[in-house]
Protein backbone atom coordinates (compact mmCIF):
# COMPACT_ATOMS: atom_id res chain seq x y z
CA MET A 1 15.20 -24.05 122.46
CA SER A 2 13.40 -21.02 121.04
CA LEU A 3 11.12 -19.13 123.38
CA LEU A 4 8.37 -18.55 120.81
CA GLU A 5 7.80 -20.19 117.43
CA VAL A 6 4.94 -19.14 115.17
CA GLU A 7 4.37 -21.34 112.13
CA ASP A 8 1.94 -20.57 109.29
CA LEU A 9 -0.40 -18.44 111.42
CA HIS A 10 -3.76 -17.60 109.82
CA VAL A 11 -6.64 -15.58 111.25
CA TRP A 12 -10.15 -15.12 109.88
CA TYR A 13 -12.92 -12.82 111.15
CA ARG A 14 -16.54 -13.88 110.68
CA SER A 15 -19.17 -11.20 110.10
CA ARG A 16 -22.74 -11.31 111.42
CA SER A 17 -23.87 -12.59 108.06
CA GLY A 18 -21.48 -15.52 108.37
CA GLU A 19 -19.00 -14.30 105.78
CA GLU A 20 -15.34 -14.86 106.69
CA THR A 21 -12.50 -12.49 105.86
CA GLN A 22 -8.91 -13.63 106.19
CA VAL A 23 -6.74 -10.94 107.82
CA ILE A 24 -3.56 -12.91 108.66
CA ARG A 25 -2.40 -15.08 105.78
CA GLY A 26 0.49 -17.22 106.97
CA ILE A 27 3.00 -15.72 109.36
CA ASP A 28 6.20 -17.36 110.62
CA MET A 29 8.12 -15.94 113.55
CA VAL A 30 10.89 -17.13 115.89
CA LEU A 31 11.85 -15.40 119.13
CA ASN A 32 14.69 -16.47 121.42
CA PRO A 33 15.11 -15.48 125.08
CA GLY A 34 16.10 -11.82 125.35
CA ASP A 35 15.33 -11.01 121.69
CA ARG A 36 13.67 -7.74 120.71
CA LEU A 37 11.43 -7.97 117.66
CA GLY A 38 9.69 -4.97 116.11
CA LEU A 39 6.51 -5.27 114.00
CA VAL A 40 5.96 -2.28 111.70
CA GLY A 41 3.49 -1.41 108.96
CA GLU A 42 0.56 0.88 108.31
CA SER A 43 -2.77 0.66 110.14
CA GLY A 44 -4.80 -2.38 109.15
CA CYS A 45 -1.86 -4.56 108.11
CA GLY A 46 -2.47 -7.07 110.93
CA LYS A 47 0.11 -6.16 113.59
CA SER A 48 -2.27 -6.01 116.55
CA THR A 49 -4.26 -9.04 115.37
CA THR A 50 -1.02 -11.04 115.24
CA VAL A 51 0.04 -10.26 118.80
CA MET A 52 -3.51 -10.67 120.14
CA ALA A 53 -3.53 -14.13 118.56
CA LEU A 54 -0.31 -14.97 120.44
CA LEU A 55 -2.13 -14.33 123.72
CA GLY A 56 -5.46 -15.90 122.75
CA LEU A 57 -7.21 -12.54 123.12
CA LEU A 58 -9.01 -12.37 119.78
CA PRO A 59 -12.82 -11.89 119.84
CA PRO A 60 -15.21 -14.86 119.58
CA ASN A 61 -15.81 -14.27 115.86
CA ALA A 62 -12.13 -14.96 115.09
CA THR A 63 -10.78 -18.28 113.84
CA VAL A 64 -7.08 -19.09 114.24
CA ALA A 65 -5.05 -21.77 112.47
CA GLY A 66 -1.38 -22.70 112.45
CA ARG A 67 1.04 -23.31 115.31
CA ILE A 68 1.97 -21.07 118.22
CA LYS A 69 4.65 -22.82 120.25
CA PHE A 70 5.81 -21.35 123.53
CA ARG A 71 8.79 -23.20 125.00
CA GLY A 72 8.01 -26.09 122.68
CA ILE A 73 4.32 -26.43 123.63
CA ASP A 74 1.75 -25.81 120.88
CA HIS A 75 -0.90 -23.60 122.45
CA LEU A 76 -3.30 -23.76 119.54
CA ALA A 77 -3.51 -27.52 120.01
CA GLY A 78 -4.48 -26.98 123.66
CA GLY A 79 -7.35 -24.59 123.01
CA GLU A 80 -8.27 -21.40 124.85
CA ARG A 81 -7.41 -22.78 128.30
CA ALA A 82 -3.81 -23.28 127.24
CA PHE A 83 -3.62 -19.64 126.19
CA ARG A 84 -5.10 -18.39 129.44
CA ALA A 85 -2.70 -20.49 131.48
CA ARG A 86 0.22 -18.62 129.90
CA SER A 87 -1.34 -15.15 129.81
CA TRP A 88 0.37 -12.75 132.20
CA THR A 89 2.39 -15.49 133.93
CA ASP A 90 4.67 -16.22 130.95
CA ILE A 91 3.49 -13.77 128.29
CA ALA A 92 2.17 -10.31 129.17
CA MET A 93 1.04 -7.32 127.14
CA VAL A 94 1.10 -3.54 127.40
CA PHE A 95 -2.02 -2.55 125.50
CA GLN A 96 -2.54 0.40 123.20
CA GLY A 97 -4.32 3.18 125.10
CA SER A 98 -3.49 3.08 128.81
CA MET A 99 -6.79 4.79 129.74
CA ASN A 100 -8.62 1.61 128.70
CA THR A 101 -6.32 -0.68 130.69
CA PHE A 102 -7.74 0.20 134.11
CA ASN A 103 -11.20 0.26 135.68
CA PRO A 104 -11.88 3.98 136.23
CA VAL A 105 -13.67 3.48 139.57
CA ARG A 106 -10.99 1.39 141.31
CA ARG A 107 -7.60 2.45 142.62
CA VAL A 108 -4.62 1.60 140.46
CA ASN A 109 -2.62 -0.38 143.03
CA ALA A 110 -5.68 -2.47 143.90
CA GLN A 111 -6.06 -3.46 140.25
CA VAL A 112 -2.41 -4.47 139.95
CA ALA A 113 -2.81 -6.43 143.20
CA ASP A 114 -5.84 -8.24 141.73
CA ALA A 115 -3.67 -9.57 138.89
CA ILE A 116 -1.00 -10.77 141.31
CA HIS A 117 -3.60 -12.42 143.52
CA ALA A 118 -5.43 -14.10 140.63
CA ARG A 119 -2.43 -15.27 138.62
CA ALA A 120 0.30 -15.82 141.20
CA GLY A 121 -1.99 -16.88 144.04
CA ALA A 122 -0.47 -14.42 146.51
CA PRO A 123 -2.54 -13.43 149.59
CA ARG A 124 -4.36 -10.10 149.24
CA ARG A 125 -2.11 -8.15 151.62
CA GLU A 126 1.07 -9.53 150.06
CA ALA A 127 -0.28 -8.84 146.58
CA LEU A 128 -0.99 -5.21 147.49
CA GLU A 129 2.51 -4.73 148.88
CA ARG A 130 3.97 -6.25 145.70
CA ALA A 131 1.78 -3.95 143.58
CA ASN A 132 3.01 -0.88 145.45
CA GLU A 133 6.62 -1.96 144.91
CA LEU A 134 6.03 -2.52 141.20
CA LEU A 135 4.37 0.86 140.72
CA ALA A 136 7.23 2.55 142.56
CA SER A 137 9.76 0.67 140.40
CA VAL A 138 8.29 2.20 137.22
CA GLY A 139 8.59 5.72 138.61
CA ILE A 140 5.23 6.36 140.29
CA PRO A 141 5.65 8.02 143.72
CA ARG A 142 4.45 5.86 146.59
CA SER A 143 2.15 8.70 147.64
CA ARG A 144 0.28 8.28 144.33
CA VAL A 145 0.02 4.50 143.93
CA SER A 146 -3.47 4.40 145.45
CA SER A 147 -4.83 7.07 143.11
CA PHE A 148 -7.63 6.49 140.61
CA PRO A 149 -6.65 6.18 136.92
CA HIS A 150 -8.11 9.57 135.99
CA GLU A 151 -5.83 11.21 138.56
CA PHE A 152 -2.76 10.06 136.62
CA SER A 153 -1.24 11.81 133.61
CA GLY A 154 -0.97 9.85 130.37
CA GLY A 155 2.65 9.00 131.08
CA MET A 156 1.88 7.81 134.61
CA ARG A 157 -0.98 5.64 133.35
CA GLN A 158 1.34 4.04 130.82
CA ARG A 159 3.92 3.39 133.55
CA ALA A 160 1.16 1.76 135.61
CA ALA A 161 0.18 -0.35 132.58
CA ILE A 162 3.79 -1.56 132.35
CA ALA A 163 3.74 -2.42 136.06
CA LEU A 164 0.52 -4.38 135.51
CA ALA A 165 2.11 -6.32 132.64
CA LEU A 166 5.12 -7.19 134.82
CA SER A 167 3.02 -8.13 137.84
CA CYS A 168 3.38 -11.91 137.36
CA ASP A 169 7.02 -12.00 136.18
CA PRO A 170 6.57 -12.88 132.48
CA VAL A 171 9.46 -13.89 130.23
CA LEU A 172 7.96 -12.35 127.08
CA LEU A 173 6.53 -8.84 126.99
CA ILE A 174 4.38 -7.61 124.09
CA ALA A 175 3.99 -3.84 123.76
CA ASP A 176 1.30 -2.73 121.30
CA GLU A 177 1.83 0.96 120.46
CA PRO A 178 2.92 1.71 124.06
CA THR A 179 3.52 5.42 123.38
CA THR A 180 0.26 6.27 121.61
CA ALA A 181 -1.08 9.79 122.36
CA LEU A 182 1.98 10.73 124.43
CA ASP A 183 4.21 13.70 123.65
CA VAL A 184 7.70 12.96 122.33
CA ILE A 185 9.48 13.60 125.63
CA VAL A 186 7.18 11.24 127.54
CA GLN A 187 7.49 8.71 124.71
CA ALA A 188 11.25 8.67 125.15
CA HIS A 189 10.92 8.20 128.92
CA ILE A 190 8.45 5.32 128.49
CA MET A 191 10.66 3.53 125.97
CA ASP A 192 13.73 4.00 128.17
CA LEU A 193 11.77 2.52 131.06
CA LEU A 194 10.48 -0.38 128.96
CA THR A 195 13.86 -1.34 127.52
CA GLY A 196 15.59 -0.86 130.88
CA LEU A 197 13.13 -3.23 132.56
CA CYS A 198 13.59 -5.78 129.77
CA ASP A 199 17.36 -5.65 130.25
CA GLU A 200 17.07 -5.86 134.02
CA ARG A 201 14.69 -8.83 133.95
CA GLY A 202 16.06 -10.54 130.84
CA LEU A 203 12.74 -10.31 129.01
CA ALA A 204 12.11 -10.90 125.34
CA LEU A 205 10.16 -8.06 123.71
CA ILE A 206 7.77 -7.78 120.77
CA LEU A 207 7.21 -4.10 119.99
CA VAL A 208 4.31 -3.14 117.71
CA SER A 209 4.59 0.38 116.37
CA HIS A 210 4.08 2.79 113.47
CA ASP A 211 7.25 4.55 114.59
CA LEU A 212 9.93 2.95 112.43
CA ALA A 213 12.73 5.07 113.89
CA MET A 214 11.88 3.95 117.42
CA VAL A 215 11.69 0.29 116.40
CA LEU A 216 15.08 0.45 114.69
CA GLU A 217 16.60 2.03 117.80
CA VAL A 218 15.07 -0.37 120.32
CA CYS A 219 14.84 -3.72 118.51
CA SER A 220 17.40 -6.16 117.16
CA GLN A 221 15.12 -7.51 114.43
CA VAL A 222 12.35 -5.81 112.44
CA ASP A 223 9.48 -7.54 110.61
CA VAL A 224 7.60 -5.43 108.05
CA MET A 225 3.92 -6.35 107.65
CA TYR A 226 1.63 -5.59 104.75
CA GLY A 227 -1.80 -7.04 104.00
CA GLY A 228 -1.66 -9.70 106.71
CA LEU A 229 1.79 -10.96 105.75
CA ILE A 230 5.39 -10.36 106.77
CA VAL A 231 6.98 -9.07 103.57
CA GLU A 232 10.47 -8.53 104.97
CA SER A 233 12.45 -9.52 108.05
CA CYS A 234 15.78 -7.82 108.62
CA ASP A 235 18.44 -7.05 111.21
CA ALA A 236 17.36 -3.69 112.62
CA ARG A 237 20.91 -2.33 112.59
CA ARG A 238 21.15 -2.82 108.83
CA PHE A 239 17.59 -1.99 107.82
CA HIS A 240 18.40 1.53 106.58
CA VAL A 241 20.89 0.19 104.04
CA SER A 242 19.65 -3.38 103.52
CA ALA A 243 15.87 -3.01 103.13
CA GLN A 244 14.89 -4.64 99.83
CA HIS A 245 11.10 -4.93 99.61
CA PRO A 246 9.45 -1.99 97.82
CA TYR A 247 7.12 -1.46 100.79
CA SER A 248 10.06 -1.42 103.23
CA LYS A 249 11.68 1.26 101.12
CA LEU A 250 8.40 3.21 101.16
CA LEU A 251 8.45 3.12 104.95
CA LEU A 252 11.98 4.48 104.98
CA ARG A 253 11.08 7.27 102.54
CA SER A 254 8.05 8.23 104.60
CA THR A 255 10.14 8.78 107.72
CA SER A 256 10.19 12.47 108.55
CA PRO A 257 13.75 13.89 108.39
CA THR A 258 13.01 16.11 111.39
CA SER A 259 11.04 13.96 113.79
CA GLY A 260 12.08 10.49 112.66
CA ILE A 261 8.48 9.33 113.08
CA THR A 262 6.93 7.09 110.46
CA ARG A 263 3.20 7.54 109.95
CA VAL A 264 2.26 5.87 106.69
CA GLN A 265 -1.07 7.18 105.50
CA VAL A 266 -3.21 5.76 102.70
CA THR A 267 -3.69 8.60 100.22
CA HIS A 268 -6.50 9.10 97.73
CA ASP A 269 -4.57 7.42 94.93
CA ALA A 270 -3.24 4.53 97.03
CA VAL A 271 -4.82 1.08 96.82
CA LEU A 272 -5.58 -1.09 99.83
CA PRO A 273 -4.33 -4.69 99.67
CA THR A 274 -6.74 -7.32 98.43
CA LEU A 275 -6.51 -9.90 101.20
CA ASP A 276 -7.89 -12.75 99.11
CA ALA A 277 -5.69 -11.99 96.11
CA ALA A 278 -3.95 -14.97 94.52
CA GLY A 279 -0.81 -12.93 93.92
CA CYS A 280 1.08 -10.19 95.73
CA GLY A 281 -1.15 -7.91 97.80
CA TYR A 282 1.24 -5.00 97.25
CA MET A 283 1.17 -5.26 93.46
CA ALA A 284 -1.32 -2.42 92.87
CA ARG A 285 0.97 0.03 94.68
CA CYS A 286 4.26 -1.28 93.34
CA ASP A 287 6.11 0.38 90.45
CA LEU A 288 8.27 -2.71 89.93
CA ALA A 289 5.50 -5.34 89.58
CA VAL A 290 5.80 -7.99 86.86
CA ALA A 291 3.24 -10.42 85.43
CA LYS A 292 4.11 -13.13 87.96
CA CYS A 293 3.06 -10.84 90.82
CA ALA A 294 -0.60 -11.05 89.73
CA CYS A 295 -0.95 -14.83 90.03
CA ASP A 296 1.79 -16.08 92.39
CA ARG A 297 1.96 -14.90 95.99
CA PRO A 298 5.63 -14.45 97.00
CA THR A 299 6.92 -16.19 100.13
CA LEU A 300 9.72 -15.17 102.46
CA GLU A 301 13.07 -16.30 101.12
CA ALA A 302 16.53 -15.82 102.60
CA HIS A 303 18.27 -12.76 101.22
CA GLY A 304 21.51 -12.61 103.16
CA ASN A 305 22.36 -12.95 106.84
CA ARG A 306 19.29 -12.52 109.11
CA GLN A 307 17.22 -11.15 106.25
CA SER A 308 14.27 -12.58 104.34
CA VAL A 309 12.16 -10.91 101.65
CA ALA A 310 8.83 -11.88 100.04
CA CYS A 311 9.10 -10.38 96.57
CA HIS A 312 9.43 -11.75 93.05
CA VAL A 313 11.31 -8.67 91.85
CA VAL A 314 13.95 -8.29 94.57
CA PRO A 315 16.07 -11.31 93.49
CA ARG A 316 16.22 -9.89 89.97
CA LEU A 317 17.47 -6.58 91.29
CA ALA A 318 19.96 -8.21 93.67
CA LYS A 319 21.48 -10.63 91.16
CA PRO A 320 23.39 -8.07 89.04
CA GLN A 321 24.86 -6.54 92.20
CA GLN A 322 26.14 -9.95 93.29
CA GLN A 323 27.69 -10.54 89.85
CA GLN A 324 29.52 -7.23 90.05
CA ARG A 325 31.18 -8.35 93.26
């Protein structure tokens, strides 16, 4: 049985005036135990909204439709309580921006202990001992575990955030930009820690990042998002040579040859996706668009082993290559 199955996920945000804007437009996703899935794409494409929907952490003005099955149980059918029952105990998250993870006026180990006490039901003293062990296991000296958040460096705060996420022994860990605002050396240490803990505990991982190079190194599968949709899903080991969608190729071209970091920026002549467009949201930025792209939204279709692409043009480009073989 799959660990996580997402079927036709949609998310709308409602403004104060009552107008609704659809930001996630039908996402499918399957995650098995121990899998590592990377979500990549430029800011605003819907990566964080997608993973927040998986945990039931979207704001009150959000509406969610579709199916989110965890171990065969549809959590959307069970309402918000079903989400909260799974949060942290089965599914946990390392949030973007570790400074915002902790209460600045309470000691770090006490806050980790609160999670263990509330979710696992452990007595206060036992929860505090467990919190100290967790913080030490992520590389924080025992002499520092009772410090306040502002007394930690950025790297130490992120390590503490990882300890907090692991406090109730989840089986699926979601990391949303876990290395934001950290220097490259600390980033490498944090990712080594994160992947090492996943291996040690047998955790599945969903990694949300702008850093394509890091995702391809850490993950086994990569999903490329654009305009609230997954436009390509591919084996991470073959992405450099197998990427087919024009946007996926743009991501590869935008990777710096020196740093390997992908930071896709919207330039003055670029066009943002029209989320309510009937056709392909990438059409206005695509040099290969055809008439069908304007009126018919492409869906993900199999394009080889462990690869799917949502593009009307890609099959046309791939067909001559197959004939040559």
